[in-house]
Amino acid sequence: NKVFEVNVTGKNIVEVSDVVTDIIKGDGHSEQVDWLDMVARKNDLKKFFAD
């Protein structure tokens, strides 16, 4: 069992399916998304972290 992280931000369904297909075939790799940084840059920390 493996888990792969795919950043779908700004990608259409064809681009996402191509990335996933490559991963399944062994030709792709897991992407790394810094979710905390992304949330902080959007100033959305209060949505996820209570005071």
N, C-alpha and C. Protein backbone atom coordinates (compact mmCIF):
# COMPACT_ATOMS: atom_id res chain seq x y z
N ASN A 1 0.84 -1.19 0.00
CA ASN A 1 0.00 0.00 0.00
C ASN A 1 0.87 1.24 0.00
N LYS A 2 0.59 2.14 -0.90
CA LYS A 2 1.34 3.38 -1.00
C LYS A 2 0.37 4.55 -1.06
N VAL A 3 0.85 5.67 -0.59
CA VAL A 3 0.08 6.91 -0.65
C VAL A 3 0.89 7.91 -1.46
N PHE A 4 0.25 8.57 -2.39
CA PHE A 4 0.90 9.59 -3.19
C PHE A 4 0.17 10.90 -3.03
N GLU A 5 0.91 11.97 -2.98
CA GLU A 5 0.34 13.30 -2.86
C GLU A 5 0.44 13.97 -4.23
N VAL A 6 -0.70 14.46 -4.71
CA VAL A 6 -0.74 15.12 -6.01
C VAL A 6 -1.34 16.51 -5.81
N ASN A 7 -0.59 17.51 -6.21
CA ASN A 7 -1.09 18.88 -6.12
C ASN A 7 -1.96 19.14 -7.34
N VAL A 8 -3.25 19.32 -7.13
CA VAL A 8 -4.18 19.53 -8.23
C VAL A 8 -4.48 21.01 -8.45
N THR A 9 -3.85 21.87 -7.66
CA THR A 9 -4.09 23.30 -7.75
C THR A 9 -3.76 23.81 -9.15
N GLY A 10 -4.74 24.42 -9.79
CA GLY A 10 -4.53 25.02 -11.10
C GLY A 10 -4.46 24.03 -12.25
N LYS A 11 -4.71 22.75 -11.99
CA LYS A 11 -4.65 21.75 -13.05
C LYS A 11 -6.06 21.35 -13.45
N ASN A 12 -6.24 21.06 -14.74
CA ASN A 12 -7.54 20.57 -15.18
C ASN A 12 -7.58 19.05 -15.02
N ILE A 13 -8.72 18.45 -15.29
CA ILE A 13 -8.92 17.03 -15.05
C ILE A 13 -7.98 16.17 -15.90
N VAL A 14 -7.67 16.61 -17.10
CA VAL A 14 -6.77 15.84 -17.97
C VAL A 14 -5.36 15.85 -17.39
N GLU A 15 -4.90 17.01 -16.93
CA GLU A 15 -3.57 17.10 -16.34
C GLU A 15 -3.46 16.24 -15.08
N VAL A 16 -4.50 16.28 -14.25
CA VAL A 16 -4.50 15.48 -13.02
C VAL A 16 -4.50 14.00 -13.36
N SER A 17 -5.34 13.60 -14.30
CA SER A 17 -5.40 12.17 -14.65
C SER A 17 -4.09 11.71 -15.28
N ASP A 18 -3.41 12.57 -16.02
CA ASP A 18 -2.10 12.21 -16.58
C ASP A 18 -1.08 11.97 -15.48
N VAL A 19 -1.07 12.84 -14.47
CA VAL A 19 -0.14 12.69 -13.34
C VAL A 19 -0.43 11.38 -12.60
N VAL A 20 -1.71 11.13 -12.33
CA VAL A 20 -2.09 9.92 -11.59
C VAL A 20 -1.76 8.67 -12.41
N THR A 21 -2.04 8.70 -13.70
CA THR A 21 -1.73 7.56 -14.56
C THR A 21 -0.23 7.27 -14.57
N ASP A 22 0.58 8.32 -14.66
CA ASP A 22 2.04 8.13 -14.62
C ASP A 22 2.48 7.50 -13.31
N ILE A 23 1.90 7.93 -12.21
CA ILE A 23 2.24 7.36 -10.90
C ILE A 23 1.87 5.87 -10.86
N ILE A 24 0.69 5.54 -11.35
CA ILE A 24 0.24 4.15 -11.35
C ILE A 24 1.17 3.27 -12.20
N LYS A 25 1.61 3.81 -13.34
CA LYS A 25 2.51 3.06 -14.23
C LYS A 25 3.94 3.00 -13.71
N GLY A 26 4.23 3.77 -12.67
CA GLY A 26 5.58 3.79 -12.13
C GLY A 26 6.48 4.83 -12.76
N ASP A 27 5.91 5.66 -13.62
CA ASP A 27 6.69 6.68 -14.32
C ASP A 27 6.65 8.04 -13.62
N GLY A 28 5.77 8.18 -12.64
CA GLY A 28 5.60 9.46 -11.96
C GLY A 28 6.13 9.41 -10.55
N HIS A 29 5.93 10.49 -9.85
CA HIS A 29 6.38 10.56 -8.46
C HIS A 29 5.38 11.38 -7.65
N SER A 30 5.41 11.17 -6.38
CA SER A 30 4.56 11.92 -5.47
C SER A 30 5.05 13.35 -5.41
N GLU A 31 4.13 14.28 -5.46
CA GLU A 31 4.49 15.68 -5.32
C GLU A 31 4.41 16.04 -3.85
N GLN A 32 5.04 17.11 -3.48
CA GLN A 32 4.99 17.53 -2.09
C GLN A 32 4.33 18.90 -2.03
N VAL A 33 3.30 18.99 -1.20
CA VAL A 33 2.56 20.24 -1.06
C VAL A 33 2.72 20.71 0.38
N ASP A 34 3.16 21.93 0.54
CA ASP A 34 3.28 22.52 1.88
C ASP A 34 1.95 23.19 2.19
N TRP A 35 1.00 22.38 2.70
CA TRP A 35 -0.36 22.87 2.94
C TRP A 35 -0.39 23.98 3.97
N LEU A 36 0.41 23.87 5.01
CA LEU A 36 0.41 24.89 6.06
C LEU A 36 0.86 26.24 5.50
N ASP A 37 1.90 26.23 4.68
CA ASP A 37 2.36 27.47 4.06
C ASP A 37 1.28 28.06 3.15
N MET A 38 0.60 27.20 2.39
CA MET A 38 -0.44 27.65 1.49
C MET A 38 -1.59 28.29 2.27
N VAL A 39 -1.99 27.67 3.37
CA VAL A 39 -3.06 28.21 4.21
C VAL A 39 -2.62 29.54 4.82
N ALA A 40 -1.39 29.61 5.29
CA ALA A 40 -0.89 30.84 5.90
C ALA A 40 -0.83 31.98 4.89
N ARG A 41 -0.37 31.70 3.68
CA ARG A 41 -0.29 32.74 2.64
C ARG A 41 -1.66 33.28 2.28
N LYS A 42 -2.68 32.43 2.34
CA LYS A 42 -4.04 32.87 2.04
C LYS A 42 -4.72 33.49 3.26
N ASN A 43 -3.98 33.57 4.36
CA ASN A 43 -4.49 34.13 5.61
C ASN A 43 -5.74 33.38 6.09
N ASP A 44 -5.73 32.06 5.94
CA ASP A 44 -6.86 31.22 6.32
C ASP A 44 -6.60 30.38 7.57
N LEU A 45 -5.60 30.72 8.35
CA LEU A 45 -5.26 29.90 9.52
C LEU A 45 -6.43 29.74 10.48
N LYS A 46 -7.23 30.78 10.65
CA LYS A 46 -8.35 30.70 11.60
C LYS A 46 -9.42 29.71 11.15
N LYS A 47 -9.47 29.39 9.87
CA LYS A 47 -10.42 28.38 9.39
C LYS A 47 -10.07 26.99 9.91
N PHE A 48 -8.78 26.76 10.16
CA PHE A 48 -8.30 25.43 10.52
C PHE A 48 -7.80 25.32 11.95
N PHE A 49 -7.47 26.46 12.57
CA PHE A 49 -6.93 26.45 13.93
C PHE A 49 -7.73 27.40 14.80
N ALA A 50 -8.31 26.85 15.86
CA ALA A 50 -9.12 27.68 16.78
C ALA A 50 -8.20 28.54 17.63
N ASP A 51 -8.76 29.65 18.11
CA ASP A 51 -8.01 30.53 19.01
C ASP A 51 -7.78 29.88 20.34
